[in-house]
Amino acid sequence: MGVHVMVKVKVKFFASLRDKYKVREVEVDCDGGLESLMHSLDSKVKGVRRDLFDDEKRTVKDNVLFLLNGVNVKTMKEPIRFKDGDIVSIFPPIAGG
């Protein structure tokens, strides 16, 4: 039987996401996994999971910039595991021209 240790993660929203969700940052508890973080985040900021998480791929949507302690999670080789005190920065999709 595994025991999940809850960790506190600070999530910061930038640019148009601040306006959309009416929040700059929020602290959430999760079990260290991405799905747990998204579930906890969605309970505080409605619509976040739908907008930012790809349920089929079980990861952050391709068009969202999602940084963990300043590192783009899409460049990480290992599965995402959050630690107590981690900072997540989320930027909206950027349109190119």
PDB file of N, CA and C in Angstrom:
ATOM      1  N   MET A   1       0.848  -1.173   0.000  1.00  0.00           N
ATOM      2  CA  MET A   1       0.000   0.000   0.000  1.00  0.00           C
ATOM      3  C   MET A   1       0.896   1.239   0.000  1.00  0.00           C
ATOM      4  N   GLY A   2       0.767   2.100  -1.019  1.00  0.00           N
ATOM      5  CA  GLY A   2       1.571   3.313  -1.097  1.00  0.00           C
ATOM      6  C   GLY A   2       0.929   4.456  -0.337  1.00  0.00           C
ATOM      7  N   VAL A   3       1.759   5.276   0.229  1.00  0.00           N
ATOM      8  CA  VAL A   3       1.283   6.450   0.944  1.00  0.00           C
ATOM      9  C   VAL A   3       1.657   7.665   0.114  1.00  0.00           C
ATOM     10  N   HIS A   4       0.664   8.495  -0.191  1.00  0.00           N
ATOM     11  CA  HIS A   4       0.922   9.708  -0.954  1.00  0.00           C
ATOM     12  C   HIS A   4       1.190  10.852   0.008  1.00  0.00           C
ATOM     13  N   VAL A   5       2.340  11.471  -0.133  1.00  0.00           N
ATOM     14  CA  VAL A   5       2.674  12.639   0.659  1.00  0.00           C
ATOM     15  C   VAL A   5       2.237  13.860  -0.136  1.00  0.00           C
ATOM     16  N   MET A   6       1.449  14.700   0.482  1.00  0.00           N
ATOM     17  CA  MET A   6       0.979  15.894  -0.204  1.00  0.00           C
ATOM     18  C   MET A   6       2.065  16.967  -0.171  1.00  0.00           C
ATOM     19  N   VAL A   7       2.207  17.660  -1.285  1.00  0.00           N
ATOM     20  CA  VAL A   7       3.172  18.749  -1.392  1.00  0.00           C
ATOM     21  C   VAL A   7       2.437  20.029  -1.760  1.00  0.00           C
ATOM     22  N   LYS A   8       3.001  21.167  -1.360  1.00  0.00           N
ATOM     23  CA  LYS A   8       2.437  22.469  -1.711  1.00  0.00           C
ATOM     24  C   LYS A   8       3.196  23.020  -2.911  1.00  0.00           C
ATOM     25  N   VAL A   9       2.435  23.422  -3.928  1.00  0.00           N
ATOM     26  CA  VAL A   9       3.012  23.969  -5.150  1.00  0.00           C
ATOM     27  C   VAL A   9       2.366  25.326  -5.412  1.00  0.00           C
ATOM     28  N   LYS A  10       3.189  26.314  -5.733  1.00  0.00           N
ATOM     29  CA  LYS A  10       2.673  27.637  -6.086  1.00  0.00           C
ATOM     30  C   LYS A  10       2.521  27.697  -7.601  1.00  0.00           C
ATOM     31  N   VAL A  11       1.338  28.083  -8.059  1.00  0.00           N
ATOM     32  CA  VAL A  11       1.062  28.174  -9.492  1.00  0.00           C
ATOM     33  C   VAL A  11       0.819  29.637  -9.843  1.00  0.00           C
ATOM     34  N   LYS A  12       1.581  30.138 -10.822  1.00  0.00           N
ATOM     35  CA  LYS A  12       1.466  31.532 -11.259  1.00  0.00           C
ATOM     36  C   LYS A  12       0.925  31.566 -12.685  1.00  0.00           C
ATOM     37  N   PHE A  13      -0.027  32.460 -12.895  1.00  0.00           N
ATOM     38  CA  PHE A  13      -0.609  32.646 -14.225  1.00  0.00           C
ATOM     39  C   PHE A  13      -0.086  33.948 -14.817  1.00  0.00           C
ATOM     40  N   PHE A  14       0.137  33.955 -16.131  1.00  0.00           N
ATOM     41  CA  PHE A  14       0.674  35.128 -16.797  1.00  0.00           C
ATOM     42  C   PHE A  14      -0.196  35.545 -17.977  1.00  0.00           C
ATOM     43  N   ALA A  15      -0.013  36.806 -18.365  1.00  0.00           N
ATOM     44  CA  ALA A  15      -0.657  37.401 -19.534  1.00  0.00           C
ATOM     45  C   ALA A  15      -2.179  37.231 -19.492  1.00  0.00           C
ATOM     46  N   SER A  16      -2.771  36.786 -20.586  1.00  0.00           N
ATOM     47  CA  SER A  16      -4.234  36.711 -20.674  1.00  0.00           C
ATOM     48  C   SER A  16      -4.839  35.703 -19.702  1.00  0.00           C
ATOM     49  N   LEU A  17      -4.050  34.745 -19.217  1.00  0.00           N
ATOM     50  CA  LEU A  17      -4.593  33.778 -18.252  1.00  0.00           C
ATOM     51  C   LEU A  17      -4.940  34.459 -16.932  1.00  0.00           C
ATOM     52  N   ARG A  18      -4.175  35.490 -16.563  1.00  0.00           N
ATOM     53  CA  ARG A  18      -4.500  36.248 -15.343  1.00  0.00           C
ATOM     54  C   ARG A  18      -5.883  36.874 -15.464  1.00  0.00           C
ATOM     55  N   ASP A  19      -6.151  37.437 -16.625  1.00  0.00           N
ATOM     56  CA  ASP A  19      -7.455  38.073 -16.847  1.00  0.00           C
ATOM     57  C   ASP A  19      -8.562  37.031 -16.906  1.00  0.00           C
ATOM     58  N   LYS A  20      -8.313  35.950 -17.589  1.00  0.00           N
ATOM     59  CA  LYS A  20      -9.337  34.919 -17.767  1.00  0.00           C
ATOM     60  C   LYS A  20      -9.758  34.297 -16.440  1.00  0.00           C
ATOM     61  N   TYR A  21      -8.769  33.955 -15.607  1.00  0.00           N
ATOM     62  CA  TYR A  21      -9.072  33.261 -14.352  1.00  0.00           C
ATOM     63  C   TYR A  21      -9.187  34.196 -13.154  1.00  0.00           C
ATOM     64  N   LYS A  22      -8.914  35.485 -13.363  1.00  0.00           N
ATOM     65  CA  LYS A  22      -9.020  36.491 -12.293  1.00  0.00           C
ATOM     66  C   LYS A  22      -8.125  36.155 -11.100  1.00  0.00           C
ATOM     67  N   VAL A  23      -6.942  35.632 -11.381  1.00  0.00           N
ATOM     68  CA  VAL A  23      -5.999  35.293 -10.316  1.00  0.00           C
ATOM     69  C   VAL A  23      -4.573  35.366 -10.876  1.00  0.00           C
ATOM     70  N   ARG A  24      -3.643  35.837 -10.048  1.00  0.00           N
ATOM     71  CA  ARG A  24      -2.226  35.894 -10.438  1.00  0.00           C
ATOM     72  C   ARG A  24      -1.505  34.626 -10.019  1.00  0.00           C
ATOM     73  N   GLU A  25      -1.781  34.198  -8.793  1.00  0.00           N
ATOM     74  CA  GLU A  25      -1.145  32.972  -8.308  1.00  0.00           C
ATOM     75  C   GLU A  25      -2.011  32.318  -7.248  1.00  0.00           C
ATOM     76  N   VAL A  26      -1.804  31.026  -7.089  1.00  0.00           N
ATOM     77  CA  VAL A  26      -2.561  30.242  -6.118  1.00  0.00           C
ATOM     78  C   VAL A  26      -1.650  29.117  -5.632  1.00  0.00           C
ATOM     79  N   GLU A  27      -1.825  28.753  -4.380  1.00  0.00           N
ATOM     80  CA  GLU A  27      -1.062  27.630  -3.836  1.00  0.00           C
ATOM     81  C   GLU A  27      -1.993  26.440  -3.704  1.00  0.00           C
ATOM     82  N   VAL A  28      -1.542  25.287  -4.190  1.00  0.00           N
ATOM     83  CA  VAL A  28      -2.373  24.083  -4.141  1.00  0.00           C
ATOM     84  C   VAL A  28      -1.587  22.926  -3.537  1.00  0.00           C
ATOM     85  N   ASP A  29      -2.330  21.981  -2.983  1.00  0.00           N
ATOM     86  CA  ASP A  29      -1.756  20.738  -2.478  1.00  0.00           C
ATOM     87  C   ASP A  29      -1.987  19.659  -3.525  1.00  0.00           C
ATOM     88  N   CYS A  30      -0.986  18.831  -3.755  1.00  0.00           N
ATOM     89  CA  CYS A  30      -1.138  17.703  -4.671  1.00  0.00           C
ATOM     90  C   CYS A  30      -0.248  16.563  -4.196  1.00  0.00           C
ATOM     91  N   ASP A  31      -0.418  15.400  -4.807  1.00  0.00           N
ATOM     92  CA  ASP A  31       0.383  14.240  -4.395  1.00  0.00           C
ATOM     93  C   ASP A  31       1.718  14.156  -5.136  1.00  0.00           C
ATOM     94  N   GLY A  32       2.044  15.198  -5.889  1.00  0.00           N
ATOM     95  CA  GLY A  32       3.307  15.227  -6.620  1.00  0.00           C
ATOM     96  C   GLY A  32       3.171  14.946  -8.098  1.00  0.00           C
ATOM     97  N   GLY A  33       2.004  14.464  -8.521  1.00  0.00           N
ATOM     98  CA  GLY A  33       1.774  14.168  -9.929  1.00  0.00           C
ATOM     99  C   GLY A  33       1.048  15.293 -10.649  1.00  0.00           C
ATOM    100  N   LEU A  34       1.197  15.323 -11.961  1.00  0.00           N
ATOM    101  CA  LEU A  34       0.582  16.370 -12.778  1.00  0.00           C
ATOM    102  C   LEU A  34      -0.943  16.320 -12.720  1.00  0.00           C
ATOM    103  N   GLU A  35      -1.522  15.125 -12.815  1.00  0.00           N
ATOM    104  CA  GLU A  35      -2.986  15.028 -12.774  1.00  0.00           C
ATOM    105  C   GLU A  35      -3.533  15.501 -11.435  1.00  0.00           C
ATOM    106  N   SER A  36      -2.849  15.169 -10.358  1.00  0.00           N
ATOM    107  CA  SER A  36      -3.263  15.613  -9.030  1.00  0.00           C
ATOM    108  C   SER A  36      -3.179  17.131  -8.925  1.00  0.00           C
ATOM    109  N   LEU A  37      -2.105  17.707  -9.477  1.00  0.00           N
ATOM    110  CA  LEU A  37      -1.962  19.163  -9.466  1.00  0.00           C
ATOM    111  C   LEU A  37      -3.110  19.805 -10.227  1.00  0.00           C
ATOM    112  N   MET A  38      -3.412  19.292 -11.419  1.00  0.00           N
ATOM    113  CA  MET A  38      -4.484  19.868 -12.231  1.00  0.00           C
ATOM    114  C   MET A  38      -5.843  19.740 -11.542  1.00  0.00           C
ATOM    115  N   HIS A  39      -6.081  18.618 -10.890  1.00  0.00           N
ATOM    116  CA  HIS A  39      -7.339  18.418 -10.168  1.00  0.00           C
ATOM    117  C   HIS A  39      -7.454  19.429  -9.022  1.00  0.00           C
ATOM    118  N   SER A  40      -6.396  19.574  -8.239  1.00  0.00           N
ATOM    119  CA  SER A  40      -6.405  20.518  -7.120  1.00  0.00           C
ATOM    120  C   SER A  40      -6.536  21.949  -7.618  1.00  0.00           C
ATOM    121  N   LEU A  41      -5.830  22.257  -8.698  1.00  0.00           N
ATOM    122  CA  LEU A  41      -5.877  23.598  -9.267  1.00  0.00           C
ATOM    123  C   LEU A  41      -7.272  23.917  -9.781  1.00  0.00           C
ATOM    124  N   ASP A  42      -7.908  22.949 -10.443  1.00  0.00           N
ATOM    125  CA  ASP A  42      -9.249  23.158 -10.990  1.00  0.00           C
ATOM    126  C   ASP A  42     -10.286  23.369  -9.888  1.00  0.00           C
ATOM    127  N   SER A  43     -10.039  22.812  -8.707  1.00  0.00           N
ATOM    128  CA  SER A  43     -10.985  23.020  -7.603  1.00  0.00           C
ATOM    129  C   SER A  43     -10.918  24.450  -7.082  1.00  0.00           C
ATOM    130  N   LYS A  44      -9.806  25.140  -7.333  1.00  0.00           N
ATOM    131  CA  LYS A  44      -9.661  26.536  -6.900  1.00  0.00           C
ATOM    132  C   LYS A  44      -9.884  27.524  -8.035  1.00  0.00           C
ATOM    133  N   VAL A  45      -9.530  27.120  -9.257  1.00  0.00           N
ATOM    134  CA  VAL A  45      -9.646  27.989 -10.430  1.00  0.00           C
ATOM    135  C   VAL A  45     -10.391  27.204 -11.505  1.00  0.00           C
ATOM    136  N   LYS A  46     -11.696  27.404 -11.573  1.00  0.00           N
ATOM    137  CA  LYS A  46     -12.550  26.610 -12.473  1.00  0.00           C
ATOM    138  C   LYS A  46     -12.155  26.775 -13.942  1.00  0.00           C
ATOM    139  N   GLY A  47     -12.114  25.658 -14.646  1.00  0.00           N
ATOM    140  CA  GLY A  47     -11.834  25.658 -16.074  1.00  0.00           C
ATOM    141  C   GLY A  47     -10.378  25.429 -16.434  1.00  0.00           C
ATOM    142  N   VAL A  48      -9.489  25.484 -15.447  1.00  0.00           N
ATOM    143  CA  VAL A  48      -8.060  25.337 -15.723  1.00  0.00           C
ATOM    144  C   VAL A  48      -7.745  23.982 -16.342  1.00  0.00           C
ATOM    145  N   ARG A  49      -8.254  22.933 -15.759  1.00  0.00           N
ATOM    146  CA  ARG A  49      -7.949  21.587 -16.275  1.00  0.00           C
ATOM    147  C   ARG A  49      -8.424  21.447 -17.717  1.00  0.00           C
ATOM    148  N   ARG A  50      -9.632  21.867 -17.986  1.00  0.00           N
ATOM    149  CA  ARG A  50     -10.192  21.765 -19.348  1.00  0.00           C
ATOM    150  C   ARG A  50      -9.332  22.556 -20.343  1.00  0.00           C
ATOM    151  N   ASP A  51      -8.895  23.731 -19.929  1.00  0.00           N
ATOM    152  CA  ASP A  51      -8.159  24.612 -20.831  1.00  0.00           C
ATOM    153  C   ASP A  51      -6.701  24.203 -21.041  1.00  0.00           C
ATOM    154  N   LEU A  52      -6.076  23.635 -20.018  1.00  0.00           N
ATOM    155  CA  LEU A  52      -4.631  23.445 -20.051  1.00  0.00           C
ATOM    156  C   LEU A  52      -4.151  21.999 -20.108  1.00  0.00           C
ATOM    157  N   PHE A  53      -5.025  21.048 -19.759  1.00  0.00           N
ATOM    158  CA  PHE A  53      -4.594  19.656 -19.628  1.00  0.00           C
ATOM    159  C   PHE A  53      -5.223  18.796 -20.713  1.00  0.00           C
ATOM    160  N   ASP A  54      -4.408  17.954 -21.348  1.00  0.00           N
ATOM    161  CA  ASP A  54      -4.881  17.018 -22.365  1.00  0.00           C
ATOM    162  C   ASP A  54      -5.149  15.682 -21.676  1.00  0.00           C
ATOM    163  N   ASP A  55      -6.431  15.384 -21.426  1.00  0.00           N
ATOM    164  CA  ASP A  55      -6.794  14.166 -20.700  1.00  0.00           C
ATOM    165  C   ASP A  55      -6.387  12.900 -21.448  1.00  0.00           C
ATOM    166  N   GLU A  56      -6.430  12.946 -22.764  1.00  0.00           N
ATOM    167  CA  GLU A  56      -6.079  11.765 -23.558  1.00  0.00           C
ATOM    168  C   GLU A  56      -4.589  11.437 -23.431  1.00  0.00           C
ATOM    169  N   LYS A  57      -3.745  12.472 -23.540  1.00  0.00           N
ATOM    170  CA  LYS A  57      -2.292  12.276 -23.443  1.00  0.00           C
ATOM    171  C   LYS A  57      -1.802  12.313 -21.991  1.00  0.00           C
ATOM    172  N   ARG A  58      -2.671  12.778 -21.094  1.00  0.00           N
ATOM    173  CA  ARG A  58      -2.358  12.901 -19.666  1.00  0.00           C
ATOM    174  C   ARG A  58      -1.150  13.805 -19.421  1.00  0.00           C
ATOM    175  N   THR A  59      -1.159  14.928 -20.149  1.00  0.00           N
ATOM    176  CA  THR A  59      -0.091  15.907 -19.994  1.00  0.00           C
ATOM    177  C   THR A  59      -0.628  17.297 -20.319  1.00  0.00           C
ATOM    178  N   VAL A  60       0.223  18.290 -20.210  1.00  0.00           N
ATOM    179  CA  VAL A  60      -0.143  19.667 -20.529  1.00  0.00           C
ATOM    180  C   VAL A  60      -0.386  19.770 -22.030  1.00  0.00           C
ATOM    181  N   LYS A  61      -1.403  20.542 -22.416  1.00  0.00           N
ATOM    182  CA  LYS A  61      -1.689  20.725 -23.843  1.00  0.00           C
ATOM    183  C   LYS A  61      -0.472  21.313 -24.553  1.00  0.00           C
ATOM    184  N   ASP A  62      -0.322  20.937 -25.818  1.00  0.00           N
ATOM    185  CA  ASP A  62       0.846  21.326 -26.606  1.00  0.00           C
ATOM    186  C   ASP A  62       1.026  22.834 -26.748  1.00  0.00           C
ATOM    187  N   ASN A  63      -0.078  23.576 -26.791  1.00  0.00           N
ATOM    188  CA  ASN A  63       0.023  25.009 -27.065  1.00  0.00           C
ATOM    189  C   ASN A  63       0.188  25.867 -25.810  1.00  0.00           C
ATOM    190  N   VAL A  64       0.356  25.242 -24.653  1.00  0.00           N
ATOM    191  CA  VAL A  64       0.502  25.969 -23.394  1.00  0.00           C
ATOM    192  C   VAL A  64       1.960  25.894 -22.941  1.00  0.00           C
ATOM    193  N   LEU A  65       2.512  27.031 -22.515  1.00  0.00           N
ATOM    194  CA  LEU A  65       3.862  27.043 -21.960  1.00  0.00           C
ATOM    195  C   LEU A  65       3.749  26.831 -20.454  1.00  0.00           C
ATOM    196  N   PHE A  66       4.287  25.727 -19.976  1.00  0.00           N
ATOM    197  CA  PHE A  66       4.145  25.279 -18.588  1.00  0.00           C
ATOM    198  C   PHE A  66       5.551  25.063 -18.042  1.00  0.00           C
ATOM    199  N   LEU A  67       5.977  25.958 -17.149  1.00  0.00           N
ATOM    200  CA  LEU A  67       7.326  25.894 -16.599  1.00  0.00           C
ATOM    201  C   LEU A  67       7.300  25.390 -15.165  1.00  0.00           C
ATOM    202  N   LEU A  68       8.205  24.491 -14.844  1.00  0.00           N
ATOM    203  CA  LEU A  68       8.389  24.008 -13.479  1.00  0.00           C
ATOM    204  C   LEU A  68       9.734  24.535 -13.003  1.00  0.00           C
ATOM    205  N   ASN A  69       9.686  25.466 -12.048  1.00  0.00           N
ATOM    206  CA  ASN A  69      10.909  26.112 -11.552  1.00  0.00           C
ATOM    207  C   ASN A  69      11.745  26.669 -12.704  1.00  0.00           C
ATOM    208  N   GLY A  70      11.056  27.266 -13.691  1.00  0.00           N
ATOM    209  CA  GLY A  70      11.721  27.916 -14.810  1.00  0.00           C
ATOM    210  C   GLY A  70      12.087  27.017 -15.976  1.00  0.00           C
ATOM    211  N   VAL A  71      11.788  25.722 -15.882  1.00  0.00           N
ATOM    212  CA  VAL A  71      12.131  24.779 -16.956  1.00  0.00           C
ATOM    213  C   VAL A  71      10.855  24.317 -17.660  1.00  0.00           C
ATOM    214  N   ASN A  72      10.868  24.401 -18.985  1.00  0.00           N
ATOM    215  CA  ASN A  72       9.726  23.955 -19.778  1.00  0.00           C
ATOM    216  C   ASN A  72       9.548  22.447 -19.578  1.00  0.00           C
ATOM    217  N   VAL A  73       8.383  22.032 -19.095  1.00  0.00           N
ATOM    218  CA  VAL A  73       8.160  20.611 -18.803  1.00  0.00           C
ATOM    219  C   VAL A  73       8.232  19.746 -20.063  1.00  0.00           C
ATOM    220  N   LYS A  74       8.022  20.338 -21.222  1.00  0.00           N
ATOM    221  CA  LYS A  74       8.072  19.561 -22.467  1.00  0.00           C
ATOM    222  C   LYS A  74       9.499  19.123 -22.805  1.00  0.00           C
ATOM    223  N   THR A  75      10.495  19.748 -22.169  1.00  0.00           N
ATOM    224  CA  THR A  75      11.888  19.373 -22.415  1.00  0.00           C
ATOM    225  C   THR A  75      12.404  18.364 -21.388  1.00  0.00           C
ATOM    226  N   MET A  76      11.596  18.052 -20.395  1.00  0.00           N
ATOM    227  CA  MET A  76      12.028  17.133 -19.336  1.00  0.00           C
ATOM    228  C   MET A  76      11.947  15.685 -19.811  1.00  0.00           C
ATOM    229  N   LYS A  77      12.965  14.925 -19.491  1.00  0.00           N
ATOM    230  CA  LYS A  77      13.015  13.518 -19.892  1.00  0.00           C
ATOM    231  C   LYS A  77      12.206  12.630 -18.949  1.00  0.00           C
ATOM    232  N   GLU A  78      12.212  12.957 -17.674  1.00  0.00           N
ATOM    233  CA  GLU A  78      11.519  12.161 -16.657  1.00  0.00           C
ATOM    234  C   GLU A  78      10.071  12.627 -16.515  1.00  0.00           C
ATOM    235  N   PRO A  79       9.194  11.772 -16.017  1.00  0.00           N
ATOM    236  CA  PRO A  79       7.822  12.214 -15.715  1.00  0.00           C
ATOM    237  C   PRO A  79       7.850  13.350 -14.687  1.00  0.00           C
ATOM    238  N   ILE A  80       6.895  14.234 -14.791  1.00  0.00           N
ATOM    239  CA  ILE A  80       6.833  15.384 -13.888  1.00  0.00           C
ATOM    240  C   ILE A  80       6.479  14.921 -12.483  1.00  0.00           C
ATOM    241  N   ARG A  81       7.306  15.306 -11.513  1.00  0.00           N
ATOM    242  CA  ARG A  81       7.028  15.056 -10.096  1.00  0.00           C
ATOM    243  C   ARG A  81       7.286  16.357  -9.359  1.00  0.00           C
ATOM    244  N   PHE A  82       6.272  16.842  -8.683  1.00  0.00           N
ATOM    245  CA  PHE A  82       6.394  18.085  -7.943  1.00  0.00           C
ATOM    246  C   PHE A  82       6.911  17.824  -6.543  1.00  0.00           C
ATOM    247  N   LYS A  83       7.687  18.798  -6.042  1.00  0.00           N
ATOM    248  CA  LYS A  83       8.190  18.748  -4.678  1.00  0.00           C
ATOM    249  C   LYS A  83       7.632  19.945  -3.918  1.00  0.00           C
ATOM    250  N   ASP A  84       7.625  19.837  -2.618  1.00  0.00           N
ATOM    251  CA  ASP A  84       7.154  20.918  -1.769  1.00  0.00           C
ATOM    252  C   ASP A  84       7.921  22.201  -2.103  1.00  0.00           C
ATOM    253  N   GLY A  85       7.186  23.279  -2.348  1.00  0.00           N
ATOM    254  CA  GLY A  85       7.807  24.563  -2.633  1.00  0.00           C
ATOM    255  C   GLY A  85       8.073  24.837  -4.101  1.00  0.00           C
ATOM    256  N   ASP A  86       7.765  23.889  -4.989  1.00  0.00           N
ATOM    257  CA  ASP A  86       7.950  24.116  -6.420  1.00  0.00           C
ATOM    258  C   ASP A  86       7.080  25.277  -6.889  1.00  0.00           C
ATOM    259  N   ILE A  87       7.549  25.928  -7.952  1.00  0.00           N
ATOM    260  CA  ILE A  87       6.792  27.023  -8.562  1.00  0.00           C
ATOM    261  C   ILE A  87       6.503  26.665 -10.014  1.00  0.00           C
ATOM    262  N   VAL A  88       5.230  26.694 -10.354  1.00  0.00           N
ATOM    263  CA  VAL A  88       4.778  26.439 -11.719  1.00  0.00           C
ATOM    264  C   VAL A  88       4.347  27.773 -12.316  1.00  0.00           C
ATOM    265  N   SER A  89       4.830  28.075 -13.507  1.00  0.00           N
ATOM    266  CA  SER A  89       4.445  29.282 -14.236  1.00  0.00           C
ATOM    267  C   SER A  89       3.740  28.842 -15.511  1.00  0.00           C
ATOM    268  N   ILE A  90       2.545  29.399 -15.730  1.00  0.00           N
ATOM    269  CA  ILE A  90       1.751  28.990 -16.890  1.00  0.00           C
ATOM    270  C   ILE A  90       1.477  30.205 -17.771  1.00  0.00           C
ATOM    271  N   PHE A  91       1.852  30.078 -19.034  1.00  0.00           N
ATOM    272  CA  PHE A  91       1.647  31.133 -20.013  1.00  0.00           C
ATOM    273  C   PHE A  91       0.648  30.650 -21.060  1.00  0.00           C
ATOM    274  N   PRO A  92      -0.175  31.565 -21.584  1.00  0.00           N
ATOM    275  CA  PRO A  92      -1.176  31.178 -22.583  1.00  0.00           C
ATOM    276  C   PRO A  92      -0.524  30.852 -23.921  1.00  0.00           C
ATOM    277  N   PRO A  93      -1.310  30.225 -24.793  1.00  0.00           N
ATOM    278  CA  PRO A  93      -0.809  29.976 -26.149  1.00  0.00           C
ATOM    279  C   PRO A  93      -0.406  31.294 -26.799  1.00  0.00           C
ATOM    280  N   ILE A  94       0.675  31.254 -27.536  1.00  0.00           N
ATOM    281  CA  ILE A  94       1.150  32.456 -28.214  1.00  0.00           C
ATOM    282  C   ILE A  94       0.870  32.302 -29.699  1.00  0.00           C
ATOM    283  N   ALA A  95       0.168  33.292 -30.247  1.00  0.00           N
ATOM    284  CA  ALA A  95      -0.155  33.260 -31.673  1.00  0.00           C
ATOM    285  C   ALA A  95       1.020  33.826 -32.454  1.00  0.00           C
ATOM    286  N   GLY A  96       1.361  33.155 -33.524  1.00  0.00           N
ATOM    287  CA  GLY A  96       2.453  33.621 -34.371  1.00  0.00           C
ATOM    288  C   GLY A  96       1.920  34.274 -35.626  1.00  0.00           C
ATOM    289  N   GLY A  97       2.787  34.926 -36.328  1.00  0.00           N
ATOM    290  CA  GLY A  97       2.323  35.581 -37.534  1.00  0.00           C
ATOM    291  C   GLY A  97       3.370  35.605 -38.590  1.00  0.00           C
TER     292      GLY A  97
END
